[in-house]
Each structure stands twice: as structure tokens, then as C-alpha cells.
């Protein structure tokens, strides 16, 4: 099950890289020929998408490595680290776009060419479709890095939308409004920074083992009560590394049972949980006497 999820995540990442590469070239050439810095800024953002997706790819591949002596909980946190790297790329591209937009606002330049609106319209549609595709894969696999990559596409679509509005204003209102697309690029840089925070916050929570798994805990407790010999459950802690979950569970049993009987119940409980919830990599069961 987990191997299939990793394959799906990797496939989605390869599509992200290919799509971002093609769009970055189209945006860059169209922005240069059409005298639109907003479109060139969009191309820069798409170029950062490529590097970000490559980092996601590296993180996903490394996260698949099995546990070893030095990493008893596996290598899943590599995926979280790749998410942090994606956030850094988002912040860097936003600052670069904002800096250049401010500089261009203060510099007289030509009005963007009308054909750039057609290019941007197509790009907005394509990027939104990419976002929906990658975001769906992130939900199916539970990959936080893939979710970050999806939001990279959404931020790109928003950047393109801002550029579209800015260029449309410059063309409709004529002389004196040539910098409208630069203001659009500046606005887009702020939106990218905001999205970077939205991606960073859950990644930090995962890295710090923040408790956000109430639904999964409820499912674990319900399954535990179906195991013969388990009277109730007490503490239940979950940590997520990549797409894998590790569970510490305290199970309450009859205090008159022998050590061997308690041990057998613990094994049945662990086997049941790992069978019913394939995302669990390990379950540590602590027996508490009733």
C-alpha cells in the first residue's frame, strides 16, 4: 500500500517538473517579446517550481528507504525537510519578484502587448488543472511535500491571474498605466509569501510531532476494542514521518492475566491495527492492568 502511494506521489512530481519547465519557457519568451515584466516574473516563479519539484522528488525517494540501525523510525522526515526547502524557494522567488517589480514601477517602459493576455489565460487554466491534479494526489497519499508542490502550482496560477489583470488595466487605460502589470507582480509576490506560510505551518507541526490526528486515534481505539482481551484503551500517541505513522498505545486488560497472556493480547492488537490501517509502520502496545 505505502509503496503504491510513493509511486503515485513520484509520478505526480514528474508531471509537475515537466509542466513547470514548459510553462517557464513559454512565459519567459512571451514576457520578453510582449514587454510584460509580470509575465517574466511569472516565468521566474515557474522556474522556482522546477527546482522545488526536484527537491520534493529527492525527498520522496529518500523517504522510501527502510529503517536501519541509525534511523529506527525510517527516513520519512526527509519528505518534511523537502517541504521546508519548497517553502524557501517560494520565499526567495517572492522576494525576487517583489524587488524587481518595485524597481520596474519606478522605470518608464512600454505597454505590454495584447497577445500576452491570451498566453496568460491559457497558463492560468493549465496551472489550476495542475494544482487540482497534484493536490488530489497529496490527499490520496497523505504526502505533505506533494501538498506543498500543489500549492506551488496554485500560487503560480494566482500570479498569472494578477499579471492578467495588470496587463488588462494597462491596455484598457492606455498611457500612464504601463506599470499596472508591475503592480500586479508586486501583489502576486505578497500572495506567494502568504502561501509559503500556509505550507510551512503544517510541515513544522509534523516535524515537531504536533497532535493533529484525532480521527485516526478514534479509529485506533475503536479497532482496539474489537480485539479479544482488550477492555479499553488509555494513552494513544501518534507521530507521522512522511506517509508513515508510528503509534504508541496503552491497552487496558484484566489485571489477573499472566504476563504471557498479556503479551499475546498485545500482539493480536498490533496485528489487527496494522492489518486494518496499512499506513501504520509500527505499533508499540503497552499493557495496563484493569
Protein backbone atom coordinates (compact mmCIF):
# COMPACT_ATOMS: atom_id res chain seq x y z
CA UNK A 1 0.00 0.00 0.00
CA UNK A 2 2.70 2.51 1.01
CA UNK A 3 4.84 1.56 -1.99
CA UNK A 4 1.88 2.28 -4.27
CA UNK A 5 1.36 5.67 -2.63
CA UNK A 6 5.02 6.56 -3.10
CA UNK A 7 4.80 5.58 -6.77
CA UNK A 8 1.73 7.79 -7.21
CA UNK A 9 3.49 10.70 -5.47
CA UNK A 10 6.60 10.29 -7.63
CA UNK A 11 4.53 10.16 -10.82
CA UNK A 12 2.74 13.37 -9.87
CA UNK A 13 6.08 15.05 -9.14
CA UNK A 14 7.49 14.08 -12.56
CA UNK A 15 4.43 15.67 -14.18
CA UNK A 16 4.99 18.81 -12.09
CA UNK A 17 8.58 19.12 -13.25
CA UNK A 18 7.70 18.64 -16.94
CA UNK A 19 4.78 21.06 -16.84
CA UNK A 20 6.69 23.77 -14.98
CA UNK A 21 9.62 23.54 -17.40
CA UNK A 22 7.42 24.01 -20.48
CA UNK A 23 5.42 26.86 -18.94
CA UNK A 24 8.54 28.67 -17.68
CA UNK A 25 9.89 28.79 -21.25
CA UNK A 26 6.56 29.96 -22.69
CA UNK A 27 6.18 32.67 -20.04
CA UNK A 28 9.75 33.90 -20.33
CA UNK A 29 9.68 34.20 -24.13
CA UNK A 30 6.19 35.75 -24.17
CA UNK A 31 7.09 38.23 -21.42
CA UNK A 32 10.26 39.34 -23.22
CA UNK A 33 8.61 39.69 -26.64
CA UNK A 34 5.41 41.17 -25.18
CA UNK A 35 7.16 43.70 -22.88
CA UNK A 36 5.49 42.34 -19.71
CA UNK A 37 7.53 42.10 -16.52
CA UNK A 38 4.58 40.45 -14.76
CA UNK A 39 4.86 37.61 -17.25
CA UNK A 40 8.64 37.44 -16.82
CA UNK A 41 8.11 37.38 -13.04
CA UNK A 42 5.68 34.54 -13.62
CA UNK A 43 8.40 32.71 -15.54
CA UNK A 44 10.79 33.15 -12.60
CA UNK A 45 8.15 31.68 -10.29
CA UNK A 46 7.72 28.70 -12.64
CA UNK A 47 11.49 28.19 -12.71
CA UNK A 48 11.47 28.01 -8.92
CA UNK A 49 8.66 25.46 -9.27
CA UNK A 50 11.02 23.21 -11.20
CA UNK A 51 13.71 23.27 -8.51
CA UNK A 52 11.09 22.88 -5.78
CA UNK A 53 9.60 19.84 -7.50
CA UNK A 54 13.07 18.32 -7.90
CA UNK A 55 13.61 18.73 -4.15
CA UNK A 56 10.24 17.09 -3.50
CA UNK A 57 11.29 14.24 -5.78
CA UNK A 58 14.56 13.77 -3.89
CA UNK A 59 12.74 13.90 -0.56
CA UNK A 60 10.15 11.33 -1.63
CA UNK A 61 12.79 8.95 -2.94
CA UNK A 62 14.92 9.21 0.21
CA UNK A 63 11.84 8.85 2.43
CA UNK A 64 11.21 5.40 0.91
CA UNK A 65 14.38 3.99 2.43
CA UNK A 66 13.58 1.42 5.13
CA UNK A 67 14.50 1.83 8.79
CA UNK A 68 18.06 0.97 9.75
CA UNK A 69 20.25 0.97 12.87
CA UNK A 70 20.80 4.74 12.76
CA UNK A 71 17.21 5.58 11.73
CA UNK A 72 14.88 3.22 13.65
CA UNK A 73 11.83 5.28 12.61
CA UNK A 74 12.80 5.22 8.94
CA UNK A 75 13.67 8.15 6.69
CA UNK A 76 10.21 9.70 6.30
CA UNK A 77 11.25 13.03 7.76
CA UNK A 78 13.23 13.64 4.57
CA UNK A 79 9.86 14.44 2.99
CA UNK A 80 9.21 17.09 5.64
CA UNK A 81 12.65 18.60 5.06
CA UNK A 82 11.94 18.79 1.33
CA UNK A 83 8.74 20.68 2.19
CA UNK A 84 10.84 23.23 4.12
CA UNK A 85 13.04 23.56 1.03
CA UNK A 86 9.98 24.23 -1.15
CA UNK A 87 8.95 26.98 1.27
CA UNK A 88 12.41 28.55 0.99
CA UNK A 89 12.11 28.56 -2.81
CA UNK A 90 8.70 30.21 -2.54
CA UNK A 91 10.02 32.92 -0.23
CA UNK A 92 13.10 33.53 -2.41
CA UNK A 93 11.06 33.79 -5.62
CA UNK A 94 8.53 36.12 -3.92
CA UNK A 95 11.29 38.46 -2.70
CA UNK A 96 12.96 38.48 -6.12
CA UNK A 97 9.69 39.22 -7.90
CA UNK A 98 8.80 41.96 -5.39
CA UNK A 99 12.22 43.59 -5.61
CA UNK A 100 12.22 43.69 -9.42
CA UNK A 101 8.58 44.83 -9.55
CA UNK A 102 9.36 47.84 -7.32
CA UNK A 103 12.35 48.69 -9.50
CA UNK A 104 10.28 48.46 -12.70
CA UNK A 105 7.47 50.57 -11.26
CA UNK A 106 9.97 53.42 -10.95
CA UNK A 107 11.28 52.91 -14.51
CA UNK A 108 9.29 54.04 -17.62
CA UNK A 109 8.65 51.19 -20.04
CA UNK A 110 6.42 50.06 -22.90
CA UNK A 111 2.81 48.92 -22.57
CA UNK A 112 2.56 45.10 -22.68
CA UNK A 113 1.46 43.54 -25.97
CA UNK A 114 -2.19 42.31 -26.13
CA UNK A 115 -1.20 38.74 -27.07
CA UNK A 116 0.24 38.30 -23.57
CA UNK A 117 -3.34 38.16 -22.25
CA UNK A 118 -4.04 35.08 -24.39
CA UNK A 119 -0.88 33.41 -23.12
CA UNK A 120 -1.76 34.20 -19.51
CA UNK A 121 -5.34 32.96 -19.89
CA UNK A 122 -4.08 29.58 -21.10
CA UNK A 123 -1.44 29.44 -18.35
CA UNK A 124 -3.99 30.18 -15.59
CA UNK A 125 -6.16 27.29 -16.77
CA UNK A 126 -3.25 24.85 -17.10
CA UNK A 127 -1.78 25.74 -13.69
CA UNK A 128 -5.14 25.39 -11.95
CA UNK A 129 -5.56 21.95 -13.52
CA UNK A 130 -2.05 21.04 -12.31
CA UNK A 131 -2.94 22.22 -8.81
CA UNK A 132 -6.08 20.08 -8.72
CA UNK A 133 -4.21 17.03 -10.02
CA UNK A 134 -1.26 17.25 -7.61
CA UNK A 135 -3.44 18.28 -4.65
CA UNK A 136 -5.68 15.25 -5.23
CA UNK A 137 -2.61 13.01 -5.25
CA UNK A 138 -1.43 14.62 -2.00
CA UNK A 139 -4.78 13.74 -0.36
CA UNK A 140 -4.66 10.19 -1.69
CA UNK A 141 -1.10 9.60 -0.50
CA UNK A 142 -1.05 11.80 2.62
CA UNK A 143 2.14 13.45 1.37
CA UNK A 144 2.77 16.90 2.85
CA UNK A 145 5.59 17.54 0.35
CA UNK A 146 3.21 16.84 -2.53
CA UNK A 147 0.68 19.23 -1.00
CA UNK A 148 3.39 21.91 -0.90
CA UNK A 149 4.15 21.21 -4.55
CA UNK A 150 0.45 21.52 -5.39
CA UNK A 151 0.26 24.93 -3.73
CA UNK A 152 3.27 25.96 -5.75
CA UNK A 153 1.07 25.47 -8.82
CA UNK A 154 -1.85 27.34 -7.22
CA UNK A 155 0.41 30.29 -6.33
CA UNK A 156 1.64 30.26 -9.93
CA UNK A 157 -1.95 30.40 -11.18
CA UNK A 158 -2.68 33.35 -8.86
CA UNK A 159 0.49 35.11 -10.01
CA UNK A 160 -0.65 34.66 -13.61
CA UNK A 161 -4.13 35.95 -12.74
CA UNK A 162 -2.62 39.07 -11.14
CA UNK A 163 -0.49 39.58 -14.25
CA UNK A 164 -3.57 39.16 -16.45
CA UNK A 165 -5.45 41.84 -14.51
CA UNK A 166 -2.46 44.20 -14.52
CA UNK A 167 -1.87 43.88 -18.26
CA UNK A 168 -5.59 44.28 -18.98
CA UNK A 169 -5.62 47.52 -16.98
CA UNK A 170 -2.53 48.80 -18.81
CA UNK A 171 -4.07 48.05 -22.20
CA UNK A 172 -7.54 49.43 -21.41
CA UNK A 173 -6.47 52.65 -19.69
CA UNK A 174 -3.56 53.37 -22.02
CA UNK A 175 -0.61 55.76 -21.43
CA UNK A 176 0.26 56.37 -17.80
CA UNK A 177 -0.78 52.87 -16.74
CA UNK A 178 2.14 50.93 -18.23
CA UNK A 179 3.28 49.90 -14.73
CA UNK A 180 -0.04 48.21 -13.90
CA UNK A 181 1.41 44.77 -14.59
CA UNK A 182 4.37 45.57 -12.32
CA UNK A 183 1.95 46.41 -9.51
CA UNK A 184 0.27 43.09 -10.27
CA UNK A 185 3.61 41.32 -9.93
CA UNK A 186 4.18 43.06 -6.58
CA UNK A 187 0.76 41.95 -5.35
CA UNK A 188 1.47 38.41 -6.51
CA UNK A 189 4.74 38.34 -4.54
CA UNK A 190 2.79 39.09 -1.36
CA UNK A 191 0.37 36.27 -2.12
CA UNK A 192 3.26 33.85 -2.67
CA UNK A 193 4.69 34.78 0.75
CA UNK A 194 1.31 34.12 2.36
CA UNK A 195 1.09 30.70 0.68
CA UNK A 196 4.61 29.91 1.87
CA UNK A 197 3.43 30.37 5.45
CA UNK A 198 0.36 28.16 4.86
CA UNK A 199 2.65 25.38 3.62
CA UNK A 200 5.28 25.89 6.32
CA UNK A 201 2.90 25.74 9.30
CA UNK A 202 1.66 22.11 8.94
CA UNK A 203 5.15 20.94 7.95
CA UNK A 204 6.54 22.43 11.15
CA UNK A 205 3.76 20.74 13.12
CA UNK A 206 4.66 17.37 11.62
CA UNK A 207 8.35 17.91 12.28
CA UNK A 208 7.59 18.78 15.94
CA UNK A 209 5.16 15.82 16.37
CA UNK A 210 2.20 18.15 16.89
CA UNK A 211 -1.03 16.35 17.83
CA UNK A 212 -3.41 16.66 14.86
CA UNK A 213 -4.61 13.07 14.42
CA UNK A 214 -7.85 12.87 16.43
CA UNK A 215 -9.74 10.99 13.69
CA UNK A 216 -7.01 8.37 13.38
CA UNK A 217 -6.85 7.96 17.17
CA UNK A 218 -10.62 7.40 17.30
CA UNK A 219 -10.29 4.72 14.63
CA UNK A 220 -7.44 3.03 16.52
CA UNK A 221 -9.40 3.00 19.78
CA UNK A 222 -12.49 1.55 18.06
CA UNK A 223 -10.45 -1.23 16.43
CA UNK A 224 -8.64 -1.99 19.70
CA UNK A 225 -11.95 -2.70 21.48
CA UNK A 226 -12.72 -5.35 18.85
CA UNK A 227 -9.64 -7.37 19.91
CA UNK A 228 -10.38 -10.14 22.38
CA UNK A 229 -8.98 -9.36 25.82
CA UNK A 230 -8.79 -5.57 25.38
CA UNK A 231 -11.20 -3.88 27.81
CA UNK A 232 -10.31 -0.28 26.98
CA UNK A 233 -7.51 2.00 25.81
CA UNK A 234 -5.73 4.76 27.66
CA UNK A 235 -2.95 6.87 26.13
CA UNK A 236 -2.56 6.92 22.37
CA UNK A 237 0.26 8.92 20.76
CA UNK A 238 0.92 9.23 17.03
CA UNK A 239 3.90 10.56 15.13
CA UNK A 240 3.99 10.95 11.35
CA UNK A 241 7.13 10.61 9.28
CA UNK A 242 6.48 11.14 5.59
CA UNK A 243 3.50 8.97 4.69
CA UNK A 244 4.03 6.59 7.60
CA UNK A 245 2.54 6.64 11.10
CA UNK A 246 4.03 5.29 14.33
CA UNK A 247 1.67 4.60 17.24
CA UNK A 248 2.21 4.27 21.00
CA UNK A 249 -0.92 2.75 22.56
CA UNK A 250 -1.77 1.83 26.16
CA UNK A 251 -4.28 -1.04 26.26
CA UNK A 252 -6.19 -1.97 29.43
CA UNK A 253 -6.63 -5.70 30.12
CA UNK A 254 -7.70 -7.92 33.01
CA UNK A 255 -5.08 -7.48 35.75
CA UNK A 256 -5.31 -11.15 36.69
CA UNK A 257 -3.88 -12.34 33.38
CA UNK A 258 -0.39 -13.79 33.21
CA UNK A 259 2.47 -11.93 31.54
CA UNK A 260 2.30 -14.33 28.58
CA UNK A 261 -1.45 -13.80 28.14
CA UNK A 262 -0.99 -10.02 28.22
CA UNK A 263 1.84 -10.38 25.72
CA UNK A 264 -0.38 -12.39 23.37
CA UNK A 265 -3.14 -9.77 23.56
CA UNK A 266 -0.63 -7.04 22.71
CA UNK A 267 0.50 -8.96 19.62
CA UNK A 268 -3.08 -9.57 18.46
CA UNK A 269 -3.84 -5.90 18.95
CA UNK A 270 -0.80 -4.77 16.97
CA UNK A 271 -1.51 -7.22 14.14
CA UNK A 272 -5.14 -6.10 13.90
CA UNK A 273 -4.27 -2.41 13.76
CA UNK A 274 -1.57 -2.83 11.13
CA UNK A 275 -3.88 -5.01 9.03
CA UNK A 276 -6.79 -2.55 9.16
CA UNK A 277 -4.67 0.62 8.78
CA UNK A 278 -1.92 -0.04 6.18
CA UNK A 279 -0.37 3.42 6.75
CA UNK A 280 0.87 2.30 10.18
CA UNK A 281 4.52 1.32 10.10
CA UNK A 282 4.70 0.20 13.72
CA UNK A 283 2.54 0.00 16.82
CA UNK A 284 4.05 -0.11 20.31
CA UNK A 285 1.49 -1.56 22.73
CA UNK A 286 1.84 -1.03 26.48
CA UNK A 287 -0.36 -3.28 28.64
CA UNK A 288 -2.13 -1.68 31.61
CA UNK A 289 -3.87 -3.87 34.25
CA UNK A 290 -7.54 -3.14 34.85
